[in-house]
Amino acid sequence: MSGKRGAPGGAGNAVYGLGLIGALVYYIQRADGFWSVILGILKAVVWPAFVTYDLLKFLGA
């Protein structure tokens, strides 16, 4: 068995992780109550979907 684990080109995981941390900070700073914090955490987990949607909207697709 090989000692190598993970997928090749795993830098995407690092980008997602940094984006997750940044989104958590952004959304939680703007939260004004308990449920806003919970919603901010959920939004931070799916932040790539928001970016993709806004990018496609910007491009007119």
C-alpha atoms as a PDB file:
ATOM      1  CA  MET A   1       0.000   0.000   0.000  1.00  0.00           C
ATOM      2  CA  SER A   2       1.274   3.417  -0.937  1.00  0.00           C
ATOM      3  CA  GLY A   3       1.943   6.032   1.741  1.00  0.00           C
ATOM      4  CA  LYS A   4       0.481   8.770  -0.444  1.00  0.00           C
ATOM      5  CA  ARG A   5      -3.015   9.932   0.501  1.00  0.00           C
ATOM      6  CA  GLY A   6      -5.455  12.501  -0.807  1.00  0.00           C
ATOM      7  CA  ALA A   7      -6.235  13.729  -4.249  1.00  0.00           C
ATOM      8  CA  PRO A   8      -3.623  15.298  -6.489  1.00  0.00           C
ATOM      9  CA  GLY A   9      -3.903  19.066  -6.630  1.00  0.00           C
ATOM     10  CA  GLY A  10      -5.386  19.366  -3.165  1.00  0.00           C
ATOM     11  CA  ALA A  11      -4.761  23.124  -3.032  1.00  0.00           C
ATOM     12  CA  GLY A  12      -8.483  23.638  -3.594  1.00  0.00           C
ATOM     13  CA  ASN A  13      -9.079  22.397  -0.065  1.00  0.00           C
ATOM     14  CA  ALA A  14      -6.828  25.125   1.285  1.00  0.00           C
ATOM     15  CA  VAL A  15      -8.643  27.778  -0.752  1.00  0.00           C
ATOM     16  CA  TYR A  16     -12.009  26.496   0.477  1.00  0.00           C
ATOM     17  CA  GLY A  17     -10.752  26.451   4.067  1.00  0.00           C
ATOM     18  CA  LEU A  18      -9.459  30.011   3.917  1.00  0.00           C
ATOM     19  CA  GLY A  19     -12.678  31.110   2.262  1.00  0.00           C
ATOM     20  CA  LEU A  20     -14.678  29.366   4.978  1.00  0.00           C
ATOM     21  CA  ILE A  21     -12.784  31.205   7.705  1.00  0.00           C
ATOM     22  CA  GLY A  22     -13.164  34.524   5.906  1.00  0.00           C
ATOM     23  CA  ALA A  23     -16.882  33.963   5.344  1.00  0.00           C
ATOM     24  CA  LEU A  24     -17.371  33.002   8.999  1.00  0.00           C
ATOM     25  CA  VAL A  25     -15.715  36.212  10.127  1.00  0.00           C
ATOM     26  CA  TYR A  26     -17.733  38.285   7.634  1.00  0.00           C
ATOM     27  CA  TYR A  27     -21.142  36.807   8.442  1.00  0.00           C
ATOM     28  CA  ILE A  28     -20.677  36.568  12.216  1.00  0.00           C
ATOM     29  CA  GLN A  29     -19.498  40.187  12.492  1.00  0.00           C
ATOM     30  CA  ARG A  30     -22.735  41.274  10.838  1.00  0.00           C
ATOM     31  CA  ALA A  31     -24.971  39.032  12.964  1.00  0.00           C
ATOM     32  CA  ASP A  32     -27.219  40.743  15.480  1.00  0.00           C
ATOM     33  CA  GLY A  33     -28.683  37.746  17.294  1.00  0.00           C
ATOM     34  CA  PHE A  34     -28.435  34.030  17.906  1.00  0.00           C
ATOM     35  CA  TRP A  35     -30.285  32.960  14.761  1.00  0.00           C
ATOM     36  CA  SER A  36     -28.285  35.405  12.662  1.00  0.00           C
ATOM     37  CA  VAL A  37     -25.116  33.684  13.874  1.00  0.00           C
ATOM     38  CA  ILE A  38     -26.533  30.258  13.001  1.00  0.00           C
ATOM     39  CA  LEU A  39     -27.553  31.508   9.543  1.00  0.00           C
ATOM     40  CA  GLY A  40     -24.085  33.058   9.125  1.00  0.00           C
ATOM     41  CA  ILE A  41     -22.417  29.734   9.886  1.00  0.00           C
ATOM     42  CA  LEU A  42     -24.620  27.962   7.343  1.00  0.00           C
ATOM     43  CA  LYS A  43     -23.907  30.633   4.720  1.00  0.00           C
ATOM     44  CA  ALA A  44     -20.174  30.342   5.397  1.00  0.00           C
ATOM     45  CA  VAL A  45     -20.287  26.605   4.679  1.00  0.00           C
ATOM     46  CA  VAL A  46     -21.889  27.125   1.260  1.00  0.00           C
ATOM     47  CA  TRP A  47     -20.085  30.344   0.267  1.00  0.00           C
ATOM     48  CA  PRO A  48     -18.885  28.921  -3.090  1.00  0.00           C
ATOM     49  CA  ALA A  49     -22.517  28.650  -4.214  1.00  0.00           C
ATOM     50  CA  PHE A  50     -23.035  32.368  -3.519  1.00  0.00           C
ATOM     51  CA  VAL A  51     -19.862  33.268  -5.405  1.00  0.00           C
ATOM     52  CA  THR A  52     -20.815  31.113  -8.398  1.00  0.00           C
ATOM     53  CA  TYR A  53     -24.348  32.516  -8.503  1.00  0.00           C
ATOM     54  CA  ASP A  54     -23.158  36.133  -8.373  1.00  0.00           C
ATOM     55  CA  LEU A  55     -20.465  35.477 -10.979  1.00  0.00           C
ATOM     56  CA  LEU A  56     -22.954  33.912 -13.399  1.00  0.00           C
ATOM     57  CA  LYS A  57     -25.407  36.758 -12.775  1.00  0.00           C
ATOM     58  CA  PHE A  58     -22.629  39.273 -13.477  1.00  0.00           C
ATOM     59  CA  LEU A  59     -21.696  37.488 -16.714  1.00  0.00           C
ATOM     60  CA  GLY A  60     -25.325  37.468 -17.816  1.00  0.00           C
ATOM     61  CA  ALA A  61     -25.588  33.702 -18.034  1.00  0.00           C
END
